Amino acid sequence: MSDGSSDESTGESRDAGSEGGAAEPTDDEVVRTAAEAAEGVVFAHYDQSAVTDLDVTVTFEEGVLDVDVYLNAPDDPDPDAVAREAAETAGEAVDELFEA
């Protein structure tokens, strides 16, 4: 783009699985945890005012987590890498939720 920004969409899917133990988190808790973690990564790298567009889509169906991060932000740091990190961190946050 000519305005120095970059559009990036990246996704990550993982099987959250059942580990037994305490009551498992609800689907809503899983989705909220993943979305908050992904947004946290993005805003750790960019000021909120610098992000032109951010869309974090999270689904959790039949034990499978799917996280898609669309990011339009300045080129420094690389928005592709930030979007990938956000999706990966979302998955890790959900893994920790199930381990708790």
PDB file of N, CA and C in Angstrom:
ATOM      1  N   MET A   1       0.839  -1.179   0.000  1.00  0.00           N
ATOM      2  CA  MET A   1       0.000   0.000   0.000  1.00  0.00           C
ATOM      3  C   MET A   1       0.883   1.241   0.000  1.00  0.00           C
ATOM      4  N   SER A   2       0.406   2.293  -0.585  1.00  0.00           N
ATOM      5  CA  SER A   2       1.209   3.492  -0.710  1.00  0.00           C
ATOM      6  C   SER A   2       1.312   4.278   0.586  1.00  0.00           C
ATOM      7  N   ASP A   3       0.446   4.000   1.573  1.00  0.00           N
ATOM      8  CA  ASP A   3       0.496   4.748   2.822  1.00  0.00           C
ATOM      9  C   ASP A   3       1.491   4.154   3.822  1.00  0.00           C
ATOM     10  N   GLY A   4       2.293   3.198   3.373  1.00  0.00           N
ATOM     11  CA  GLY A   4       3.315   2.624   4.242  1.00  0.00           C
ATOM     12  C   GLY A   4       2.779   1.563   5.177  1.00  0.00           C
ATOM     13  N   SER A   5       1.538   1.141   4.952  1.00  0.00           N
ATOM     14  CA  SER A   5       0.973   0.121   5.823  1.00  0.00           C
ATOM     15  C   SER A   5       0.921  -1.204   5.086  1.00  0.00           C
ATOM     16  N   SER A   6       0.638  -2.235   5.821  1.00  0.00           N
ATOM     17  CA  SER A   6       0.603  -3.565   5.249  1.00  0.00           C
ATOM     18  C   SER A   6      -0.642  -4.281   5.730  1.00  0.00           C
ATOM     19  N   ASP A   7      -1.256  -5.036   4.843  1.00  0.00           N
ATOM     20  CA  ASP A   7      -2.399  -5.869   5.224  1.00  0.00           C
ATOM     21  C   ASP A   7      -1.870  -7.272   5.477  1.00  0.00           C
ATOM     22  N   GLU A   8      -2.264  -7.868   6.581  1.00  0.00           N
ATOM     23  CA  GLU A   8      -1.814  -9.225   6.874  1.00  0.00           C
ATOM     24  C   GLU A   8      -2.933  -9.999   7.520  1.00  0.00           C
ATOM     25  N   SER A   9      -3.103 -11.206   7.070  1.00  0.00           N
ATOM     26  CA  SER A   9      -4.043 -12.117   7.692  1.00  0.00           C
ATOM     27  C   SER A   9      -3.307 -13.429   7.905  1.00  0.00           C
ATOM     28  N   THR A  10      -3.418 -13.941   9.087  1.00  0.00           N
ATOM     29  CA  THR A  10      -2.771 -15.217   9.376  1.00  0.00           C
ATOM     30  C   THR A  10      -3.679 -16.017  10.292  1.00  0.00           C
ATOM     31  N   GLY A  11      -3.592 -17.293  10.220  1.00  0.00           N
ATOM     32  CA  GLY A  11      -4.455 -18.113  11.058  1.00  0.00           C
ATOM     33  C   GLY A  11      -3.706 -19.260  11.677  1.00  0.00           C
ATOM     34  N   GLU A  12      -4.292 -19.802  12.702  1.00  0.00           N
ATOM     35  CA  GLU A  12      -3.708 -20.951  13.373  1.00  0.00           C
ATOM     36  C   GLU A  12      -4.853 -21.811  13.876  1.00  0.00           C
ATOM     37  N   SER A  13      -4.737 -23.113  13.661  1.00  0.00           N
ATOM     38  CA  SER A  13      -5.711 -24.058  14.187  1.00  0.00           C
ATOM     39  C   SER A  13      -4.977 -25.033  15.088  1.00  0.00           C
ATOM     40  N   ARG A  14      -5.645 -25.443  16.143  1.00  0.00           N
ATOM     41  CA  ARG A  14      -5.057 -26.456  17.019  1.00  0.00           C
ATOM     42  C   ARG A  14      -6.164 -27.192  17.726  1.00  0.00           C
ATOM     43  N   ASP A  15      -5.864 -28.425  18.119  1.00  0.00           N
ATOM     44  CA  ASP A  15      -6.798 -29.250  18.860  1.00  0.00           C
ATOM     45  C   ASP A  15      -6.556 -28.993  20.337  1.00  0.00           C
ATOM     46  N   ALA A  16      -7.552 -28.388  20.999  1.00  0.00           N
ATOM     47  CA  ALA A  16      -7.393 -28.048  22.407  1.00  0.00           C
ATOM     48  C   ALA A  16      -7.441 -29.297  23.278  1.00  0.00           C
ATOM     49  N   GLY A  17      -8.159 -30.308  22.822  1.00  0.00           N
ATOM     50  CA  GLY A  17      -8.165 -31.586  23.532  1.00  0.00           C
ATOM     51  C   GLY A  17      -8.683 -31.512  24.948  1.00  0.00           C
ATOM     52  N   SER A  18      -8.988 -32.655  25.495  1.00  0.00           N
ATOM     53  CA  SER A  18      -9.458 -32.759  26.874  1.00  0.00           C
ATOM     54  C   SER A  18      -8.372 -33.397  27.706  1.00  0.00           C
ATOM     55  N   GLU A  19      -8.051 -32.765  28.812  1.00  0.00           N
ATOM     56  CA  GLU A  19      -6.979 -33.261  29.659  1.00  0.00           C
ATOM     57  C   GLU A  19      -7.507 -33.794  30.988  1.00  0.00           C
ATOM     58  N   GLY A  20      -8.830 -33.861  31.159  1.00  0.00           N
ATOM     59  CA  GLY A  20      -9.386 -34.321  32.429  1.00  0.00           C
ATOM     60  C   GLY A  20      -9.163 -33.301  33.521  1.00  0.00           C
ATOM     61  N   GLY A  21      -9.482 -33.647  34.742  1.00  0.00           N
ATOM     62  CA  GLY A  21      -9.250 -32.740  35.860  1.00  0.00           C
ATOM     63  C   GLY A  21     -10.454 -31.860  36.114  1.00  0.00           C
ATOM     64  N   ALA A  22     -10.222 -30.619  36.432  1.00  0.00           N
ATOM     65  CA  ALA A  22     -11.279 -29.673  36.785  1.00  0.00           C
ATOM     66  C   ALA A  22     -12.217 -29.442  35.604  1.00  0.00           C
ATOM     67  N   ALA A  23     -13.328 -28.763  35.896  1.00  0.00           N
ATOM     68  CA  ALA A  23     -14.299 -28.454  34.863  1.00  0.00           C
ATOM     69  C   ALA A  23     -13.618 -27.691  33.728  1.00  0.00           C
ATOM     70  N   GLU A  24     -13.924 -28.080  32.509  1.00  0.00           N
ATOM     71  CA  GLU A  24     -13.309 -27.434  31.361  1.00  0.00           C
ATOM     72  C   GLU A  24     -13.936 -26.073  31.119  1.00  0.00           C
ATOM     73  N   PRO A  25     -13.175 -25.156  30.542  1.00  0.00           N
ATOM     74  CA  PRO A  25     -13.717 -23.832  30.247  1.00  0.00           C
ATOM     75  C   PRO A  25     -14.821 -23.928  29.193  1.00  0.00           C
ATOM     76  N   THR A  26     -15.730 -22.976  29.238  1.00  0.00           N
ATOM     77  CA  THR A  26     -16.803 -22.942  28.243  1.00  0.00           C
ATOM     78  C   THR A  26     -16.235 -22.472  26.902  1.00  0.00           C
ATOM     79  N   ASP A  27     -16.970 -22.717  25.839  1.00  0.00           N
ATOM     80  CA  ASP A  27     -16.554 -22.255  24.524  1.00  0.00           C
ATOM     81  C   ASP A  27     -16.377 -20.742  24.523  1.00  0.00           C
ATOM     82  N   ASP A  28     -17.274 -20.024  25.202  1.00  0.00           N
ATOM     83  CA  ASP A  28     -17.165 -18.562  25.267  1.00  0.00           C
ATOM     84  C   ASP A  28     -15.882 -18.132  25.967  1.00  0.00           C
ATOM     85  N   GLU A  29     -15.511 -18.818  27.036  1.00  0.00           N
ATOM     86  CA  GLU A  29     -14.262 -18.497  27.741  1.00  0.00           C
ATOM     87  C   GLU A  29     -13.054 -18.732  26.844  1.00  0.00           C
ATOM     88  N   VAL A  30     -13.090 -19.802  26.075  1.00  0.00           N
ATOM     89  CA  VAL A  30     -11.990 -20.129  25.175  1.00  0.00           C
ATOM     90  C   VAL A  30     -11.843 -19.039  24.116  1.00  0.00           C
ATOM     91  N   VAL A  31     -12.961 -18.667  23.503  1.00  0.00           N
ATOM     92  CA  VAL A  31     -12.935 -17.649  22.451  1.00  0.00           C
ATOM     93  C   VAL A  31     -12.458 -16.308  23.010  1.00  0.00           C
ATOM     94  N   ARG A  32     -12.982 -15.926  24.156  1.00  0.00           N
ATOM     95  CA  ARG A  32     -12.600 -14.644  24.769  1.00  0.00           C
ATOM     96  C   ARG A  32     -11.109 -14.635  25.136  1.00  0.00           C
ATOM     97  N   THR A  33     -10.621 -15.726  25.715  1.00  0.00           N
ATOM     98  CA  THR A  33      -9.207 -15.824  26.092  1.00  0.00           C
ATOM     99  C   THR A  33      -8.312 -15.688  24.868  1.00  0.00           C
ATOM    100  N   ALA A  34      -8.642 -16.389  23.802  1.00  0.00           N
ATOM    101  CA  ALA A  34      -7.834 -16.336  22.581  1.00  0.00           C
ATOM    102  C   ALA A  34      -7.843 -14.935  21.970  1.00  0.00           C
ATOM    103  N   ALA A  35      -9.012 -14.325  21.890  1.00  0.00           N
ATOM    104  CA  ALA A  35      -9.119 -12.986  21.284  1.00  0.00           C
ATOM    105  C   ALA A  35      -8.342 -11.952  22.094  1.00  0.00           C
ATOM    106  N   GLU A  36      -8.472 -12.006  23.414  1.00  0.00           N
ATOM    107  CA  GLU A  36      -7.764 -11.048  24.266  1.00  0.00           C
ATOM    108  C   GLU A  36      -6.246 -11.223  24.158  1.00  0.00           C
ATOM    109  N   ALA A  37      -5.799 -12.465  24.082  1.00  0.00           N
ATOM    110  CA  ALA A  37      -4.361 -12.717  23.961  1.00  0.00           C
ATOM    111  C   ALA A  37      -3.826 -12.185  22.633  1.00  0.00           C
ATOM    112  N   ALA A  38      -4.558 -12.426  21.552  1.00  0.00           N
ATOM    113  CA  ALA A  38      -4.121 -11.955  20.236  1.00  0.00           C
ATOM    114  C   ALA A  38      -4.070 -10.429  20.190  1.00  0.00           C
ATOM    115  N   GLU A  39      -5.111  -9.786  20.694  1.00  0.00           N
ATOM    116  CA  GLU A  39      -5.126  -8.320  20.710  1.00  0.00           C
ATOM    117  C   GLU A  39      -4.002  -7.773  21.579  1.00  0.00           C
ATOM    118  N   GLY A  40      -3.725  -8.437  22.681  1.00  0.00           N
ATOM    119  CA  GLY A  40      -2.649  -7.999  23.566  1.00  0.00           C
ATOM    120  C   GLY A  40      -1.301  -7.983  22.866  1.00  0.00           C
ATOM    121  N   VAL A  41      -1.044  -8.993  22.040  1.00  0.00           N
ATOM    122  CA  VAL A  41       0.220  -9.049  21.298  1.00  0.00           C
ATOM    123  C   VAL A  41       0.298  -7.889  20.308  1.00  0.00           C
ATOM    124  N   VAL A  42      -0.788  -7.676  19.572  1.00  0.00           N
ATOM    125  CA  VAL A  42      -0.779  -6.600  18.576  1.00  0.00           C
ATOM    126  C   VAL A  42      -0.506  -5.260  19.239  1.00  0.00           C
ATOM    127  N   PHE A  43      -1.209  -4.977  20.347  1.00  0.00           N
ATOM    128  CA  PHE A  43      -1.058  -3.672  20.979  1.00  0.00           C
ATOM    129  C   PHE A  43       0.191  -3.569  21.855  1.00  0.00           C
ATOM    130  N   ALA A  44       0.889  -4.667  22.030  1.00  0.00           N
ATOM    131  CA  ALA A  44       2.206  -4.592  22.663  1.00  0.00           C
ATOM    132  C   ALA A  44       3.253  -4.100  21.650  1.00  0.00           C
ATOM    133  N   HIS A  45       2.963  -4.299  20.366  1.00  0.00           N
ATOM    134  CA  HIS A  45       3.884  -3.896  19.305  1.00  0.00           C
ATOM    135  C   HIS A  45       3.547  -2.543  18.690  1.00  0.00           C
ATOM    136  N   TYR A  46       2.276  -2.169  18.706  1.00  0.00           N
ATOM    137  CA  TYR A  46       1.835  -0.931  18.058  1.00  0.00           C
ATOM    138  C   TYR A  46       0.995  -0.105  19.017  1.00  0.00           C
ATOM    139  N   ASP A  47       1.090   1.226  18.887  1.00  0.00           N
ATOM    140  CA  ASP A  47       0.130   2.093  19.565  1.00  0.00           C
ATOM    141  C   ASP A  47      -1.220   1.862  18.914  1.00  0.00           C
ATOM    142  N   GLN A  48      -2.265   1.917  19.694  1.00  0.00           N
ATOM    143  CA  GLN A  48      -3.603   1.661  19.162  1.00  0.00           C
ATOM    144  C   GLN A  48      -3.912   2.601  17.997  1.00  0.00           C
ATOM    145  N   SER A  49      -3.457   3.844  18.070  1.00  0.00           N
ATOM    146  CA  SER A  49      -3.732   4.812  17.008  1.00  0.00           C
ATOM    147  C   SER A  49      -3.002   4.488  15.703  1.00  0.00           C
ATOM    148  N   ALA A  50      -1.959   3.668  15.759  1.00  0.00           N
ATOM    149  CA  ALA A  50      -1.205   3.313  14.559  1.00  0.00           C
ATOM    150  C   ALA A  50      -1.844   2.160  13.786  1.00  0.00           C
ATOM    151  N   VAL A  51      -2.744   1.420  14.417  1.00  0.00           N
ATOM    152  CA  VAL A  51      -3.376   0.274  13.774  1.00  0.00           C
ATOM    153  C   VAL A  51      -4.588   0.769  12.982  1.00  0.00           C
ATOM    154  N   THR A  52      -4.488   0.634  11.657  1.00  0.00           N
ATOM    155  CA  THR A  52      -5.567   1.065  10.784  1.00  0.00           C
ATOM    156  C   THR A  52      -6.750   0.107  10.864  1.00  0.00           C
ATOM    157  N   ASP A  53      -6.468  -1.191  10.928  1.00  0.00           N
ATOM    158  CA  ASP A  53      -7.535  -2.191  10.984  1.00  0.00           C
ATOM    159  C   ASP A  53      -7.003  -3.445  11.678  1.00  0.00           C
ATOM    160  N   LEU A  54      -7.814  -3.983  12.559  1.00  0.00           N
ATOM    161  CA  LEU A  54      -7.492  -5.232  13.240  1.00  0.00           C
ATOM    162  C   LEU A  54      -8.761  -6.052  13.350  1.00  0.00           C
ATOM    163  N   ASP A  55      -8.690  -7.274  12.879  1.00  0.00           N
ATOM    164  CA  ASP A  55      -9.817  -8.186  13.003  1.00  0.00           C
ATOM    165  C   ASP A  55      -9.272  -9.510  13.516  1.00  0.00           C
ATOM    166  N   VAL A  56      -9.718  -9.885  14.698  1.00  0.00           N
ATOM    167  CA  VAL A  56      -9.337 -11.170  15.279  1.00  0.00           C
ATOM    168  C   VAL A  56     -10.587 -12.031  15.280  1.00  0.00           C
ATOM    169  N   THR A  57     -10.554 -13.114  14.516  1.00  0.00           N
ATOM    170  CA  THR A  57     -11.679 -14.033  14.439  1.00  0.00           C
ATOM    171  C   THR A  57     -11.279 -15.338  15.108  1.00  0.00           C
ATOM    172  N   VAL A  58     -12.073 -15.741  16.093  1.00  0.00           N
ATOM    173  CA  VAL A  58     -11.774 -16.963  16.838  1.00  0.00           C
ATOM    174  C   VAL A  58     -12.997 -17.862  16.809  1.00  0.00           C
ATOM    175  N   THR A  59     -12.790 -19.114  16.452  1.00  0.00           N
ATOM    176  CA  THR A  59     -13.853 -20.113  16.570  1.00  0.00           C
ATOM    177  C   THR A  59     -13.306 -21.284  17.382  1.00  0.00           C
ATOM    178  N   PHE A  60     -14.205 -21.909  18.114  1.00  0.00           N
ATOM    179  CA  PHE A  60     -13.851 -23.081  18.898  1.00  0.00           C
ATOM    180  C   PHE A  60     -15.011 -24.055  18.771  1.00  0.00           C
ATOM    181  N   GLU A  61     -14.815 -25.069  17.938  1.00  0.00           N
ATOM    182  CA  GLU A  61     -15.869 -26.048  17.679  1.00  0.00           C
ATOM    183  C   GLU A  61     -15.292 -27.448  17.771  1.00  0.00           C
ATOM    184  N   GLU A  62     -15.989 -28.301  18.501  1.00  0.00           N
ATOM    185  CA  GLU A  62     -15.603 -29.700  18.657  1.00  0.00           C
ATOM    186  C   GLU A  62     -14.144 -29.841  19.090  1.00  0.00           C
ATOM    187  N   GLY A  63     -13.713 -28.954  19.999  1.00  0.00           N
ATOM    188  CA  GLY A  63     -12.369 -29.044  20.546  1.00  0.00           C
ATOM    189  C   GLY A  63     -11.278 -28.494  19.650  1.00  0.00           C
ATOM    190  N   VAL A  64     -11.655 -27.879  18.521  1.00  0.00           N
ATOM    191  CA  VAL A  64     -10.665 -27.325  17.605  1.00  0.00           C
ATOM    192  C   VAL A  64     -10.739 -25.805  17.631  1.00  0.00           C
ATOM    193  N   LEU A  65      -9.607 -25.187  17.922  1.00  0.00           N
ATOM    194  CA  LEU A  65      -9.496 -23.739  17.980  1.00  0.00           C
ATOM    195  C   LEU A  65      -8.965 -23.224  16.650  1.00  0.00           C
ATOM    196  N   ASP A  66      -9.620 -22.216  16.098  1.00  0.00           N
ATOM    197  CA  ASP A  66      -9.164 -21.579  14.874  1.00  0.00           C
ATOM    198  C   ASP A  66      -9.063 -20.086  15.146  1.00  0.00           C
ATOM    199  N   VAL A  67      -7.885 -19.519  14.943  1.00  0.00           N
ATOM    200  CA  VAL A  67      -7.639 -18.101  15.177  1.00  0.00           C
ATOM    201  C   VAL A  67      -7.142 -17.486  13.879  1.00  0.00           C
ATOM    202  N   ASP A  68      -7.805 -16.426  13.438  1.00  0.00           N
ATOM    203  CA  ASP A  68      -7.396 -15.706  12.248  1.00  0.00           C
ATOM    204  C   ASP A  68      -7.199 -14.252  12.631  1.00  0.00           C
ATOM    205  N   VAL A  69      -6.039 -13.710  12.319  1.00  0.00           N
ATOM    206  CA  VAL A  69      -5.719 -12.323  12.661  1.00  0.00           C
ATOM    207  C   VAL A  69      -5.484 -11.546  11.372  1.00  0.00           C
ATOM    208  N   TYR A  70      -6.287 -10.517  11.153  1.00  0.00           N
ATOM    209  CA  TYR A  70      -6.089  -9.592  10.035  1.00  0.00           C
ATOM    210  C   TYR A  70      -5.568  -8.291  10.634  1.00  0.00           C
ATOM    211  N   LEU A  71      -4.438  -7.820  10.139  1.00  0.00           N
ATOM    212  CA  LEU A  71      -3.803  -6.637  10.701  1.00  0.00           C
ATOM    213  C   LEU A  71      -3.355  -5.702   9.599  1.00  0.00           C
ATOM    214  N   ASN A  72      -3.778  -4.457   9.689  1.00  0.00           N
ATOM    215  CA  ASN A  72      -3.301  -3.410   8.800  1.00  0.00           C
ATOM    216  C   ASN A  72      -2.631  -2.385   9.699  1.00  0.00           C
ATOM    217  N   ALA A  73      -1.309  -2.350   9.626  1.00  0.00           N
ATOM    218  CA  ALA A  73      -0.532  -1.498  10.522  1.00  0.00           C
ATOM    219  C   ALA A  73       0.767  -1.103   9.821  1.00  0.00           C
ATOM    220  N   PRO A  74       1.503  -0.142  10.392  1.00  0.00           N
ATOM    221  CA  PRO A  74       2.778   0.271   9.798  1.00  0.00           C
ATOM    222  C   PRO A  74       3.738  -0.914   9.636  1.00  0.00           C
ATOM    223  N   ASP A  75       4.707  -0.736   8.758  1.00  0.00           N
ATOM    224  CA  ASP A  75       5.643  -1.817   8.424  1.00  0.00           C
ATOM    225  C   ASP A  75       6.706  -2.090   9.477  1.00  0.00           C
ATOM    226  N   ASP A  76       6.782  -1.292  10.514  1.00  0.00           N
ATOM    227  CA  ASP A  76       7.799  -1.523  11.541  1.00  0.00           C
ATOM    228  C   ASP A  76       7.136  -1.560  12.904  1.00  0.00           C
ATOM    229  N   PRO A  77       7.066  -2.721  13.566  1.00  0.00           N
ATOM    230  CA  PRO A  77       7.603  -4.012  13.148  1.00  0.00           C
ATOM    231  C   PRO A  77       6.740  -4.644  12.054  1.00  0.00           C
ATOM    232  N   ASP A  78       7.262  -5.692  11.458  1.00  0.00           N
ATOM    233  CA  ASP A  78       6.599  -6.390  10.357  1.00  0.00           C
ATOM    234  C   ASP A  78       5.219  -6.891  10.788  1.00  0.00           C
ATOM    235  N   PRO A  79       4.146  -6.363  10.169  1.00  0.00           N
ATOM    236  CA  PRO A  79       2.802  -6.794  10.568  1.00  0.00           C
ATOM    237  C   PRO A  79       2.534  -8.282  10.326  1.00  0.00           C
ATOM    238  N   ASP A  80       3.203  -8.870   9.329  1.00  0.00           N
ATOM    239  CA  ASP A  80       3.052 -10.310   9.089  1.00  0.00           C
ATOM    240  C   ASP A  80       3.510 -11.100  10.309  1.00  0.00           C
ATOM    241  N   ALA A  81       4.679 -10.732  10.821  1.00  0.00           N
ATOM    242  CA  ALA A  81       5.235 -11.423  11.982  1.00  0.00           C
ATOM    243  C   ALA A  81       4.393 -11.177  13.230  1.00  0.00           C
ATOM    244  N   VAL A  82       3.895  -9.963  13.390  1.00  0.00           N
ATOM    245  CA  VAL A  82       3.064  -9.649  14.555  1.00  0.00           C
ATOM    246  C   VAL A  82       1.756 -10.436  14.501  1.00  0.00           C
ATOM    247  N   ALA A  83       1.149 -10.531  13.322  1.00  0.00           N
ATOM    248  CA  ALA A  83      -0.096 -11.289  13.184  1.00  0.00           C
ATOM    249  C   ALA A  83       0.124 -12.768  13.488  1.00  0.00           C
ATOM    250  N   ARG A  84       1.233 -13.320  13.000  1.00  0.00           N
ATOM    251  CA  ARG A  84       1.549 -14.732  13.303  1.00  0.00           C
ATOM    252  C   ARG A  84       1.760 -14.928  14.796  1.00  0.00           C
ATOM    253  N   GLU A  85       2.517 -14.024  15.411  1.00  0.00           N
ATOM    254  CA  GLU A  85       2.760 -14.110  16.853  1.00  0.00           C
ATOM    255  C   GLU A  85       1.453 -14.009  17.625  1.00  0.00           C
ATOM    256  N   ALA A  86       0.557 -13.146  17.186  1.00  0.00           N
ATOM    257  CA  ALA A  86      -0.734 -12.981  17.856  1.00  0.00           C
ATOM    258  C   ALA A  86      -1.553 -14.271  17.793  1.00  0.00           C
ATOM    259  N   ALA A  87      -1.593 -14.904  16.628  1.00  0.00           N
ATOM    260  CA  ALA A  87      -2.343 -16.160  16.479  1.00  0.00           C
ATOM    261  C   ALA A  87      -1.734 -17.271  17.323  1.00  0.00           C
ATOM    262  N   GLU A  88      -0.404 -17.358  17.322  1.00  0.00           N
ATOM    263  CA  GLU A  88       0.272 -18.389  18.118  1.00  0.00           C
ATOM    264  C   GLU A  88       0.053 -18.167  19.614  1.00  0.00           C
ATOM    265  N   THR A  89       0.144 -16.925  20.036  1.00  0.00           N
ATOM    266  CA  THR A  89      -0.051 -16.604  21.453  1.00  0.00           C
ATOM    267  C   THR A  89      -1.476 -16.897  21.886  1.00  0.00           C
ATOM    268  N   ALA A  90      -2.432 -16.665  21.004  1.00  0.00           N
ATOM    269  CA  ALA A  90      -3.830 -16.982  21.315  1.00  0.00           C
ATOM    270  C   ALA A  90      -3.979 -18.479  21.581  1.00  0.00           C
ATOM    271  N   GLY A  91      -3.361 -19.285  20.746  1.00  0.00           N
ATOM    272  CA  GLY A  91      -3.415 -20.738  20.942  1.00  0.00           C
ATOM    273  C   GLY A  91      -2.750 -21.170  22.233  1.00  0.00           C
ATOM    274  N   GLU A  92      -1.626 -20.554  22.550  1.00  0.00           N
ATOM    275  CA  GLU A  92      -0.930 -20.884  23.794  1.00  0.00           C
ATOM    276  C   GLU A  92      -1.761 -20.488  25.018  1.00  0.00           C
ATOM    277  N   ALA A  93      -2.447 -19.355  24.931  1.00  0.00           N
ATOM    278  CA  ALA A  93      -3.280 -18.905  26.046  1.00  0.00           C
ATOM    279  C   ALA A  93      -4.425 -19.888  26.289  1.00  0.00           C
ATOM    280  N   VAL A  94      -4.977 -20.431  25.221  1.00  0.00           N
ATOM    281  CA  VAL A  94      -6.054 -21.417  25.362  1.00  0.00           C
ATOM    282  C   VAL A  94      -5.503 -22.719  25.933  1.00  0.00           C
ATOM    283  N   ASP A  95      -4.323 -23.119  25.490  1.00  0.00           N
ATOM    284  CA  ASP A  95      -3.697 -24.321  26.060  1.00  0.00           C
ATOM    285  C   ASP A  95      -3.550 -24.164  27.573  1.00  0.00           C
ATOM    286  N   GLU A  96      -3.079 -22.988  28.000  1.00  0.00           N
ATOM    287  CA  GLU A  96      -2.904 -22.730  29.440  1.00  0.00           C
ATOM    288  C   GLU A  96      -4.256 -22.744  30.168  1.00  0.00           C
ATOM    289  N   LEU A  97      -5.283 -22.276  29.505  1.00  0.00           N
ATOM    290  CA  LEU A  97      -6.623 -22.268  30.101  1.00  0.00           C
ATOM    291  C   LEU A  97      -7.074 -23.703  30.394  1.00  0.00           C
ATOM    292  N   PHE A  98      -6.800 -24.618  29.490  1.00  0.00           N
ATOM    293  CA  PHE A  98      -7.189 -26.016  29.683  1.00  0.00           C
ATOM    294  C   PHE A  98      -6.307 -26.721  30.717  1.00  0.00           C
ATOM    295  N   GLU A  99      -5.074 -26.247  30.879  1.00  0.00           N
ATOM    296  CA  GLU A  99      -4.164 -26.870  31.847  1.00  0.00           C
ATOM    297  C   GLU A  99      -4.451 -26.423  33.277  1.00  0.00           C
ATOM    298  N   ALA A 100      -5.115 -25.289  33.413  1.00  0.00           N
ATOM    299  CA  ALA A 100      -5.381 -24.736  34.764  1.00  0.00           C
ATOM    300  C   ALA A 100      -6.346 -25.578  35.541  1.00  0.00           C
TER     301      ALA A 100
END
